[in-house]
Amino acid sequence: MAGTITALKAQARKKDRVNIYLDGEFAFGLALIHALWLKVGQHLSDDEIATLKEADTLEKAKQRALGLISYRPRGIQEVQRRLQRVGVDAETIGEVVINLRQAGLLDDESFSKTWVESRLEASPRSKRMIAWELRQKGVSETTIQASLQDVQDDNAAYRLALKRWPRVAALEPVAERRRKLTEYLARHGFGFDTIQDVIAKIEQEMDTERSMDADGGSEMTNAE
């Protein structure tokens, strides 16, 4: 395939890529970053072309990986699996992972911590369920346990139950309300004892709040 560059044309749909023409015919596409040193009239040997293509393969895989982690944080194994799924070879995947880790863009410790924080903030769930999710992402057990060491199931279950309370508070009889809330918390991985303690705590708080409201109303009536 060796030949002389006769044209360098930006691709219509991907402005960050360039089509390389050798001896008047399209030869291959290349990432702009690797085409910057090329010029019309330059001769490319077979070895130079092979080197350019290898660099381009790595660049395309890296950009795909960056696209994945820009959408949301991901663990190392998850990125590896996604690249494998689209046909990227093992050697290239290894280089991409090394490059991204060196750049601080791919790190299981940070990913695991971010995952835990996101879960607890958006939709609290048990340590057991979060750990299972992280295992599915390929995170090591040591990293998982480190990221979960400050998580308390009773606190997470309490916050989740408070979010759900407005949707079940009016249910009658009380047993039905408790059943619905129990099932909801159980689906988020919390154990029976934790669930019962949390429900009892919230019901007591709500009873106290209603009593205070009633007392306040009585005082206002007497004052009138």
C-alpha atoms as a PDB file:
ATOM      1  CA  MET A   1       0.000   0.000   0.000  1.00  0.00           C
ATOM      2  CA  ALA A   2       3.018   2.295   0.092  1.00  0.00           C
ATOM      3  CA  GLY A   3       2.510   5.461  -1.910  1.00  0.00           C
ATOM      4  CA  THR A   4       2.560   9.237  -2.133  1.00  0.00           C
ATOM      5  CA  ILE A   5      -0.087  11.370  -0.425  1.00  0.00           C
ATOM      6  CA  THR A   6      -2.114  13.157  -3.079  1.00  0.00           C
ATOM      7  CA  ALA A   7      -4.916  14.537  -0.881  1.00  0.00           C
ATOM      8  CA  LEU A   8      -5.908  15.000   2.754  1.00  0.00           C
ATOM      9  CA  LYS A   9      -9.646  15.584   3.203  1.00  0.00           C
ATOM     10  CA  ALA A  10     -11.639  16.106   6.372  1.00  0.00           C
ATOM     11  CA  GLN A  11     -14.481  13.619   6.647  1.00  0.00           C
ATOM     12  CA  ALA A  12     -17.917  15.156   6.099  1.00  0.00           C
ATOM     13  CA  ARG A  13     -19.556  13.658   9.182  1.00  0.00           C
ATOM     14  CA  LYS A  14     -16.546  13.466  11.485  1.00  0.00           C
ATOM     15  CA  LYS A  15     -14.492  16.632  11.388  1.00  0.00           C
ATOM     16  CA  ASP A  16     -11.926  15.123  13.749  1.00  0.00           C
ATOM     17  CA  ARG A  17     -10.999  12.507  11.145  1.00  0.00           C
ATOM     18  CA  VAL A  18      -9.145  12.818   7.839  1.00  0.00           C
ATOM     19  CA  ASN A  19      -9.282  10.687   4.702  1.00  0.00           C
ATOM     20  CA  ILE A  20      -5.853   9.900   3.301  1.00  0.00           C
ATOM     21  CA  TYR A  21      -5.469   9.496  -0.475  1.00  0.00           C
ATOM     22  CA  LEU A  22      -2.417   7.750  -1.884  1.00  0.00           C
ATOM     23  CA  ASP A  23      -1.563   8.056  -5.581  1.00  0.00           C
ATOM     24  CA  GLY A  24      -4.986   9.516  -6.307  1.00  0.00           C
ATOM     25  CA  GLU A  25      -7.062   6.879  -4.499  1.00  0.00           C
ATOM     26  CA  PHE A  26      -8.602   6.719  -1.025  1.00  0.00           C
ATOM     27  CA  ALA A  27      -6.329   4.648   1.216  1.00  0.00           C
ATOM     28  CA  PHE A  28      -7.541   4.920   4.821  1.00  0.00           C
ATOM     29  CA  GLY A  29      -9.038   7.206   7.437  1.00  0.00           C
ATOM     30  CA  LEU A  30      -7.065   8.682  10.286  1.00  0.00           C
ATOM     31  CA  ALA A  31      -7.723  10.680  13.450  1.00  0.00           C
ATOM     32  CA  LEU A  32      -6.830  14.334  12.936  1.00  0.00           C
ATOM     33  CA  ILE A  33      -4.345  14.237  15.800  1.00  0.00           C
ATOM     34  CA  HIS A  34      -2.286  11.651  13.884  1.00  0.00           C
ATOM     35  CA  ALA A  35      -2.702  13.337  10.499  1.00  0.00           C
ATOM     36  CA  LEU A  36      -1.319  16.725  11.511  1.00  0.00           C
ATOM     37  CA  TRP A  37       2.242  15.902  10.452  1.00  0.00           C
ATOM     38  CA  LEU A  38       1.202  14.522   7.057  1.00  0.00           C
ATOM     39  CA  LYS A  39       1.271  16.634   3.901  1.00  0.00           C
ATOM     40  CA  VAL A  40       0.498  16.274   0.226  1.00  0.00           C
ATOM     41  CA  GLY A  41       3.517  14.962  -1.668  1.00  0.00           C
ATOM     42  CA  GLN A  42       4.812  13.004   1.309  1.00  0.00           C
ATOM     43  CA  HIS A  43       5.711   9.363   0.642  1.00  0.00           C
ATOM     44  CA  LEU A  44       4.499   6.752   3.138  1.00  0.00           C
ATOM     45  CA  SER A  45       6.149   3.356   3.389  1.00  0.00           C
ATOM     46  CA  ASP A  46       4.272   0.194   4.345  1.00  0.00           C
ATOM     47  CA  ASP A  47       5.753   0.348   7.851  1.00  0.00           C
ATOM     48  CA  GLU A  48       4.717   3.987   8.297  1.00  0.00           C
ATOM     49  CA  ILE A  49       1.183   3.199   7.161  1.00  0.00           C
ATOM     50  CA  ALA A  50       0.998   0.234   9.548  1.00  0.00           C
ATOM     51  CA  THR A  51       2.173   2.464  12.417  1.00  0.00           C
ATOM     52  CA  LEU A  52      -0.418   5.104  11.561  1.00  0.00           C
ATOM     53  CA  LYS A  53      -3.201   2.531  11.446  1.00  0.00           C
ATOM     54  CA  GLU A  54      -2.155   1.062  14.791  1.00  0.00           C
ATOM     55  CA  ALA A  55      -2.165   4.526  16.347  1.00  0.00           C
ATOM     56  CA  ASP A  56      -5.575   5.199  14.830  1.00  0.00           C
ATOM     57  CA  THR A  57      -7.001   1.947  16.186  1.00  0.00           C
ATOM     58  CA  LEU A  58      -5.806   2.927  19.652  1.00  0.00           C
ATOM     59  CA  GLU A  59      -7.186   6.455  19.270  1.00  0.00           C
ATOM     60  CA  LYS A  60     -10.627   5.221  18.179  1.00  0.00           C
ATOM     61  CA  ALA A  61     -10.782   2.813  21.113  1.00  0.00           C
ATOM     62  CA  LYS A  62      -9.691   5.551  23.506  1.00  0.00           C
ATOM     63  CA  GLN A  63     -12.333   7.940  22.194  1.00  0.00           C
ATOM     64  CA  ARG A  64     -14.991   5.257  22.567  1.00  0.00           C
ATOM     65  CA  ALA A  65     -13.879   4.654  26.152  1.00  0.00           C
ATOM     66  CA  LEU A  66     -13.914   8.394  26.869  1.00  0.00           C
ATOM     67  CA  GLY A  67     -17.423   8.548  25.485  1.00  0.00           C
ATOM     68  CA  LEU A  68     -18.476   5.800  27.890  1.00  0.00           C
ATOM     69  CA  ILE A  69     -17.032   7.434  30.998  1.00  0.00           C
ATOM     70  CA  SER A  70     -18.257  10.904  30.005  1.00  0.00           C
ATOM     71  CA  TYR A  71     -21.823   9.574  30.021  1.00  0.00           C
ATOM     72  CA  ARG A  72     -21.418   8.243  33.566  1.00  0.00           C
ATOM     73  CA  PRO A  73     -18.595   6.880  35.753  1.00  0.00           C
ATOM     74  CA  ARG A  74     -17.615   3.301  34.938  1.00  0.00           C
ATOM     75  CA  GLY A  75     -15.351   0.663  36.406  1.00  0.00           C
ATOM     76  CA  ILE A  76     -12.328  -0.719  34.584  1.00  0.00           C
ATOM     77  CA  GLN A  77     -13.864  -4.101  33.786  1.00  0.00           C
ATOM     78  CA  GLU A  78     -17.047  -2.488  32.522  1.00  0.00           C
ATOM     79  CA  VAL A  79     -15.049  -0.381  30.053  1.00  0.00           C
ATOM     80  CA  GLN A  80     -13.069  -3.462  29.008  1.00  0.00           C
ATOM     81  CA  ARG A  81     -16.239  -5.456  28.384  1.00  0.00           C
ATOM     82  CA  ARG A  82     -17.837  -2.659  26.357  1.00  0.00           C
ATOM     83  CA  LEU A  83     -14.753  -2.348  24.153  1.00  0.00           C
ATOM     84  CA  GLN A  84     -14.607  -6.125  23.679  1.00  0.00           C
ATOM     85  CA  ARG A  85     -18.259  -6.062  22.643  1.00  0.00           C
ATOM     86  CA  VAL A  86     -17.492  -3.783  19.683  1.00  0.00           C
ATOM     87  CA  GLY A  87     -14.547  -5.880  18.549  1.00  0.00           C
ATOM     88  CA  VAL A  88     -11.552  -4.053  20.008  1.00  0.00           C
ATOM     89  CA  ASP A  89      -8.647  -6.469  20.479  1.00  0.00           C
ATOM     90  CA  ALA A  90      -7.240  -7.281  23.907  1.00  0.00           C
ATOM     91  CA  GLU A  91      -3.895  -5.556  23.357  1.00  0.00           C
ATOM     92  CA  THR A  92      -5.536  -2.278  22.351  1.00  0.00           C
ATOM     93  CA  ILE A  93      -7.939  -2.472  25.291  1.00  0.00           C
ATOM     94  CA  GLY A  94      -4.996  -2.944  27.618  1.00  0.00           C
ATOM     95  CA  GLU A  95      -3.265   0.148  26.234  1.00  0.00           C
ATOM     96  CA  VAL A  96      -6.439   2.221  26.494  1.00  0.00           C
ATOM     97  CA  VAL A  97      -6.931   1.234  30.132  1.00  0.00           C
ATOM     98  CA  ILE A  98      -3.312   2.069  30.969  1.00  0.00           C
ATOM     99  CA  ASN A  99      -3.558   5.470  29.271  1.00  0.00           C
ATOM    100  CA  LEU A 100      -6.824   6.390  30.973  1.00  0.00           C
ATOM    101  CA  ARG A 101      -5.616   5.229  34.376  1.00  0.00           C
ATOM    102  CA  GLN A 102      -2.414   7.240  34.029  1.00  0.00           C
ATOM    103  CA  ALA A 103      -4.533  10.268  33.139  1.00  0.00           C
ATOM    104  CA  GLY A 104      -6.674   9.699  36.239  1.00  0.00           C
ATOM    105  CA  LEU A 105      -9.783   9.155  34.129  1.00  0.00           C
ATOM    106  CA  LEU A 106     -10.353   5.503  34.960  1.00  0.00           C
ATOM    107  CA  ASP A 107     -10.074   4.402  38.570  1.00  0.00           C
ATOM    108  CA  ASP A 108     -12.083   1.723  40.371  1.00  0.00           C
ATOM    109  CA  GLU A 109     -11.680   3.379  43.762  1.00  0.00           C
ATOM    110  CA  SER A 110     -13.137   6.684  42.565  1.00  0.00           C
ATOM    111  CA  PHE A 111     -15.793   4.919  40.506  1.00  0.00           C
ATOM    112  CA  SER A 112     -16.896   2.803  43.467  1.00  0.00           C
ATOM    113  CA  LYS A 113     -17.062   5.805  45.774  1.00  0.00           C
ATOM    114  CA  THR A 114     -19.058   7.816  43.231  1.00  0.00           C
ATOM    115  CA  TRP A 115     -21.415   4.891  42.639  1.00  0.00           C
ATOM    116  CA  VAL A 116     -22.139   4.531  46.365  1.00  0.00           C
ATOM    117  CA  GLU A 117     -22.715   8.273  46.816  1.00  0.00           C
ATOM    118  CA  SER A 118     -25.026   8.385  43.801  1.00  0.00           C
ATOM    119  CA  ARG A 119     -27.055   5.414  44.967  1.00  0.00           C
ATOM    120  CA  LEU A 120     -27.499   6.760  48.488  1.00  0.00           C
ATOM    121  CA  GLU A 121     -28.464  10.200  47.227  1.00  0.00           C
ATOM    122  CA  ALA A 122     -30.857   9.284  44.430  1.00  0.00           C
ATOM    123  CA  SER A 123     -32.401   6.055  45.677  1.00  0.00           C
ATOM    124  CA  PRO A 124     -30.998   4.688  48.962  1.00  0.00           C
ATOM    125  CA  ARG A 125     -30.493   0.949  49.098  1.00  0.00           C
ATOM    126  CA  SER A 126     -28.784  -1.564  51.345  1.00  0.00           C
ATOM    127  CA  LYS A 127     -25.062  -2.146  51.522  1.00  0.00           C
ATOM    128  CA  ARG A 128     -25.689  -5.684  50.313  1.00  0.00           C
ATOM    129  CA  MET A 129     -27.472  -4.505  47.170  1.00  0.00           C
ATOM    130  CA  ILE A 130     -24.888  -1.813  46.384  1.00  0.00           C
ATOM    131  CA  ALA A 131     -22.099  -4.357  46.848  1.00  0.00           C
ATOM    132  CA  TRP A 132     -23.854  -6.715  44.427  1.00  0.00           C
ATOM    133  CA  GLU A 133     -24.154  -3.931  41.839  1.00  0.00           C
ATOM    134  CA  LEU A 134     -20.456  -3.113  42.113  1.00  0.00           C
ATOM    135  CA  ARG A 135     -19.515  -6.779  41.744  1.00  0.00           C
ATOM    136  CA  GLN A 136     -21.483  -6.825  38.488  1.00  0.00           C
ATOM    137  CA  LYS A 137     -19.312  -3.903  37.369  1.00  0.00           C
ATOM    138  CA  GLY A 138     -16.171  -5.940  38.042  1.00  0.00           C
ATOM    139  CA  VAL A 139     -14.994  -3.995  41.099  1.00  0.00           C
ATOM    140  CA  SER A 140     -12.813  -5.957  43.505  1.00  0.00           C
ATOM    141  CA  GLU A 141     -14.153  -7.015  46.895  1.00  0.00           C
ATOM    142  CA  THR A 142     -11.506  -4.981  48.716  1.00  0.00           C
ATOM    143  CA  THR A 143     -12.488  -1.803  46.864  1.00  0.00           C
ATOM    144  CA  ILE A 144     -16.191  -2.494  47.440  1.00  0.00           C
ATOM    145  CA  GLN A 145     -15.789  -2.928  51.173  1.00  0.00           C
ATOM    146  CA  ALA A 146     -13.662   0.204  51.435  1.00  0.00           C
ATOM    147  CA  SER A 147     -16.282   2.288  49.633  1.00  0.00           C
ATOM    148  CA  LEU A 148     -19.075   0.955  51.856  1.00  0.00           C
ATOM    149  CA  GLN A 149     -17.376   1.194  55.228  1.00  0.00           C
ATOM    150  CA  ASP A 150     -19.241   4.356  56.285  1.00  0.00           C
ATOM    151  CA  VAL A 151     -22.644   3.297  54.958  1.00  0.00           C
ATOM    152  CA  GLN A 152     -25.278   2.477  57.576  1.00  0.00           C
ATOM    153  CA  ASP A 153     -28.310   0.475  56.468  1.00  0.00           C
ATOM    154  CA  ASP A 154     -30.589   1.968  59.118  1.00  0.00           C
ATOM    155  CA  ASN A 155     -29.832   5.526  57.956  1.00  0.00           C
ATOM    156  CA  ALA A 156     -30.275   4.642  54.279  1.00  0.00           C
ATOM    157  CA  ALA A 157     -33.520   2.768  54.946  1.00  0.00           C
ATOM    158  CA  TYR A 158     -34.846   5.662  57.032  1.00  0.00           C
ATOM    159  CA  ARG A 159     -34.197   8.220  54.272  1.00  0.00           C
ATOM    160  CA  LEU A 160     -35.772   5.953  51.666  1.00  0.00           C
ATOM    161  CA  ALA A 161     -38.823   5.359  53.849  1.00  0.00           C
ATOM    162  CA  LEU A 162     -39.257   9.101  54.390  1.00  0.00           C
ATOM    163  CA  LYS A 163     -39.234   9.654  50.622  1.00  0.00           C
ATOM    164  CA  ARG A 164     -41.878   6.969  50.204  1.00  0.00           C
ATOM    165  CA  TRP A 165     -44.023   7.975  53.176  1.00  0.00           C
ATOM    166  CA  PRO A 166     -46.256  10.534  51.397  1.00  0.00           C
ATOM    167  CA  ARG A 167     -47.417   7.791  49.012  1.00  0.00           C
ATOM    168  CA  VAL A 168     -48.422   5.342  51.758  1.00  0.00           C
ATOM    169  CA  ALA A 169     -49.325   7.550  54.719  1.00  0.00           C
ATOM    170  CA  ALA A 170     -53.055   7.625  53.932  1.00  0.00           C
ATOM    171  CA  LEU A 171     -53.423   3.872  53.387  1.00  0.00           C
ATOM    172  CA  GLU A 172     -55.857   2.078  55.671  1.00  0.00           C
ATOM    173  CA  PRO A 173     -55.772  -0.096  57.622  1.00  0.00           C
ATOM    174  CA  VAL A 174     -52.366   0.597  59.163  1.00  0.00           C
ATOM    175  CA  ALA A 175     -51.318  -2.986  58.417  1.00  0.00           C
ATOM    176  CA  GLU A 176     -51.726  -2.311  54.694  1.00  0.00           C
ATOM    177  CA  ARG A 177     -49.540   0.788  54.913  1.00  0.00           C
ATOM    178  CA  ARG A 178     -46.870  -1.175  56.744  1.00  0.00           C
ATOM    179  CA  ARG A 179     -47.039  -3.998  54.205  1.00  0.00           C
ATOM    180  CA  LYS A 180     -46.572  -1.623  51.268  1.00  0.00           C
ATOM    181  CA  LEU A 181     -43.676   0.154  52.930  1.00  0.00           C
ATOM    182  CA  THR A 182     -42.072  -3.133  53.950  1.00  0.00           C
ATOM    183  CA  GLU A 183     -42.225  -4.483  50.400  1.00  0.00           C
ATOM    184  CA  TYR A 184     -40.779  -1.264  49.011  1.00  0.00           C
ATOM    185  CA  LEU A 185     -37.826  -1.252  51.392  1.00  0.00           C
ATOM    186  CA  ALA A 186     -37.233  -4.959  50.855  1.00  0.00           C
ATOM    187  CA  ARG A 187     -36.957  -4.395  47.099  1.00  0.00           C
ATOM    188  CA  HIS A 188     -34.071  -2.054  47.880  1.00  0.00           C
ATOM    189  CA  GLY A 189     -32.260  -4.798  49.740  1.00  0.00           C
ATOM    190  CA  PHE A 190     -32.963  -3.951  53.371  1.00  0.00           C
ATOM    191  CA  GLY A 191     -33.386  -6.705  55.957  1.00  0.00           C
ATOM    192  CA  PHE A 192     -36.564  -7.374  57.918  1.00  0.00           C
ATOM    193  CA  ASP A 193     -35.251  -6.127  61.278  1.00  0.00           C
ATOM    194  CA  THR A 194     -33.973  -2.893  59.769  1.00  0.00           C
ATOM    195  CA  ILE A 195     -37.268  -2.343  57.975  1.00  0.00           C
ATOM    196  CA  GLN A 196     -39.369  -2.898  61.079  1.00  0.00           C
ATOM    197  CA  ASP A 197     -37.205  -0.563  63.164  1.00  0.00           C
ATOM    198  CA  VAL A 198     -37.401   2.169  60.538  1.00  0.00           C
ATOM    199  CA  ILE A 199     -41.165   1.905  60.119  1.00  0.00           C
ATOM    200  CA  ALA A 200     -41.678   2.035  63.874  1.00  0.00           C
ATOM    201  CA  LYS A 201     -39.417   5.098  64.106  1.00  0.00           C
ATOM    202  CA  ILE A 202     -41.226   6.975  61.343  1.00  0.00           C
ATOM    203  CA  GLU A 203     -44.685   6.123  62.696  1.00  0.00           C
ATOM    204  CA  GLN A 204     -43.660   7.370  66.123  1.00  0.00           C
ATOM    205  CA  GLU A 205     -42.318  10.605  64.621  1.00  0.00           C
ATOM    206  CA  MET A 206     -45.483  11.132  62.617  1.00  0.00           C
ATOM    207  CA  ASP A 207     -47.685  10.471  65.671  1.00  0.00           C
ATOM    208  CA  THR A 208     -45.655  12.983  67.678  1.00  0.00           C
ATOM    209  CA  GLU A 209     -45.957  15.553  64.887  1.00  0.00           C
ATOM    210  CA  ARG A 210     -49.729  15.090  64.681  1.00  0.00           C
ATOM    211  CA  SER A 211     -50.044  15.456  68.472  1.00  0.00           C
ATOM    212  CA  MET A 212     -48.052  18.678  68.412  1.00  0.00           C
ATOM    213  CA  ASP A 213     -50.207  20.030  65.580  1.00  0.00           C
ATOM    214  CA  ALA A 214     -53.356  19.120  67.493  1.00  0.00           C
ATOM    215  CA  ASP A 215     -52.087  20.767  70.681  1.00  0.00           C
ATOM    216  CA  GLY A 216     -51.175  23.874  68.730  1.00  0.00           C
ATOM    217  CA  GLY A 217     -54.642  24.030  67.235  1.00  0.00           C
ATOM    218  CA  SER A 218     -56.253  23.693  70.661  1.00  0.00           C
ATOM    219  CA  GLU A 219     -54.151  26.516  72.076  1.00  0.00           C
ATOM    220  CA  MET A 220     -55.181  28.822  69.227  1.00  0.00           C
ATOM    221  CA  THR A 221     -58.882  27.980  69.794  1.00  0.00           C
ATOM    222  CA  ASN A 222     -58.623  28.690  73.531  1.00  0.00           C
ATOM    223  CA  ALA A 223     -56.852  31.961  72.844  1.00  0.00           C
ATOM    224  CA  GLU A 224     -59.697  33.094  70.610  1.00  0.00           C
END
